[in-house]
Protein backbone atom coordinates (compact mmCIF):
# COMPACT_ATOMS: atom_id res chain seq x y z
CA UNK A 1 0.07 0.11 0.48
CA UNK A 2 1.46 3.61 -0.89
CA UNK A 3 2.54 6.39 1.83
CA UNK A 4 -0.48 8.66 0.54
CA UNK A 5 -2.92 6.38 1.27
CA UNK A 6 -1.81 5.23 4.72
CA UNK A 7 -2.15 8.96 4.83
CA UNK A 8 -5.18 9.54 4.28
CA UNK A 9 -6.43 6.18 6.72
CA UNK A 10 -4.37 7.28 9.66
CA UNK A 11 -6.03 10.71 9.09
CA UNK A 12 -9.66 9.22 7.99
CA UNK A 13 -11.92 9.66 10.69
CA UNK A 14 -10.58 13.29 12.34
CA UNK A 15 -10.84 15.68 9.59
CA UNK A 16 -13.47 18.14 9.34
CA UNK A 17 -16.70 17.50 7.27
CA UNK A 18 -15.75 18.53 4.13
CA UNK A 19 -12.17 16.78 4.10
CA UNK A 20 -13.48 14.02 5.66
CA UNK A 21 -15.89 13.50 2.69
CA UNK A 22 -12.46 14.07 0.47
CA UNK A 23 -10.63 11.17 2.61
CA UNK A 24 -13.85 9.30 1.73
CA UNK A 25 -14.07 9.57 -1.57
CA UNK A 26 -10.67 8.84 -2.92
CA UNK A 27 -10.39 5.81 0.19
CA UNK A 28 -13.59 4.24 -1.81
CA UNK A 29 -12.35 5.14 -5.28
CA UNK A 30 -8.71 5.44 -6.28
CA UNK A 31 -8.66 4.90 -9.82
CA UNK A 32 -11.65 7.67 -10.01
CA UNK A 33 -9.66 10.58 -8.62
CA UNK A 34 -6.30 8.94 -9.91
CA UNK A 35 -8.52 9.85 -13.94
CA UNK A 36 -11.09 12.51 -12.57
CA UNK A 37 -10.95 15.76 -12.52
CA UNK A 38 -10.91 18.35 -9.83
CA UNK A 39 -13.90 19.96 -10.56
CA UNK A 40 -15.38 15.80 -11.22
CA UNK A 41 -13.81 14.79 -7.58
CA UNK A 42 -15.26 18.09 -5.60
CA UNK A 43 -18.26 17.29 -6.79
CA UNK A 44 -18.57 13.64 -5.54
CA UNK A 45 -17.54 14.71 -2.90
CA UNK A 46 -19.47 17.33 -2.28
CA UNK A 47 -16.76 20.42 -1.80
CA UNK A 48 -15.87 23.37 -3.06
CA UNK A 49 -12.60 22.72 -5.72
CA UNK A 50 -10.23 24.75 -3.02
CA UNK A 51 -11.38 22.54 -0.52
CA UNK A 52 -10.07 19.67 -2.53
CA UNK A 53 -6.63 21.10 -3.15
CA UNK A 54 -6.72 21.65 -0.11
CA UNK A 55 -6.68 17.93 0.64
CA UNK A 56 -3.72 16.59 -1.13
CA UNK A 57 -1.99 17.00 -4.40
CA UNK A 58 -3.37 15.53 -6.81
CA UNK A 59 -0.23 14.87 -8.53
CA UNK A 60 0.11 12.26 -5.21
CA UNK A 61 -3.14 10.04 -5.47
CA UNK A 62 -3.03 9.89 -9.39
CA UNK A 63 1.04 8.26 -8.84
CA UNK A 64 -0.81 5.72 -5.90
CA UNK A 65 -3.55 4.76 -8.78
CA UNK A 66 -0.60 4.62 -11.12
CA UNK A 67 1.72 2.69 -8.85
CA UNK A 68 -1.75 -0.21 -7.56
CA UNK A 69 -2.65 -0.72 -11.57
CA UNK A 70 0.82 -1.76 -11.78
CA UNK A 71 1.54 -3.86 -8.88
CA UNK A 72 -1.85 -5.50 -10.46
CA UNK A 73 -0.47 -5.66 -13.21
CA UNK A 74 3.47 -7.93 -13.07
CA UNK A 75 0.88 -10.01 -10.27
CA UNK A 76 -1.73 -11.25 -13.78
CA UNK A 77 1.51 -11.36 -15.11
CA UNK A 78 3.45 -13.87 -12.84
CA UNK A 79 0.19 -15.96 -12.47
CA UNK A 80 0.00 -16.45 -16.34
CA UNK A 81 4.10 -17.42 -16.34
CA UNK A 82 3.69 -19.83 -13.96
CA UNK A 83 0.95 -20.95 -15.58
CA UNK A 84 2.33 -21.76 -18.34
CA UNK A 85 5.37 -22.48 -17.03
CA UNK A 86 3.23 -25.75 -15.94
CA UNK A 87 2.00 -25.87 -19.24
CA UNK A 88 5.53 -26.13 -20.72
CA UNK A 89 6.42 -28.74 -18.54
CA UNK A 90 3.24 -30.76 -18.63
CA UNK A 91 3.68 -30.88 -22.87
CA UNK A 92 7.65 -31.87 -22.23
CA UNK A 93 6.05 -34.72 -19.97
CA UNK A 94 3.54 -35.75 -22.18
CA UNK A 95 4.30 -38.22 -24.31
CA UNK A 96 4.33 -37.50 -28.47
CA UNK A 97 1.38 -38.98 -30.04
CA UNK A 98 -1.03 -39.33 -27.32
């Protein structure tokens, strides 16, 4: 888990109501926060755009989302590689012509 998300989780429940709504949106849907405009995030959190920019630099949230996507992709690649290795091993062990 990234430092940004951990920091938001540490602050969760200890923020002013408007900032808490921003934290709730970020924790609920990091992908949305990473790709949405400031206006869209502010609208979803029901806060003003200045409140949103006071909360956290959006670049940090975007970085956290990108890292999560990369981690997910690497996990998928490892599973695929493992499956292919197992399949390759099965093919080497089976007799030709069945």
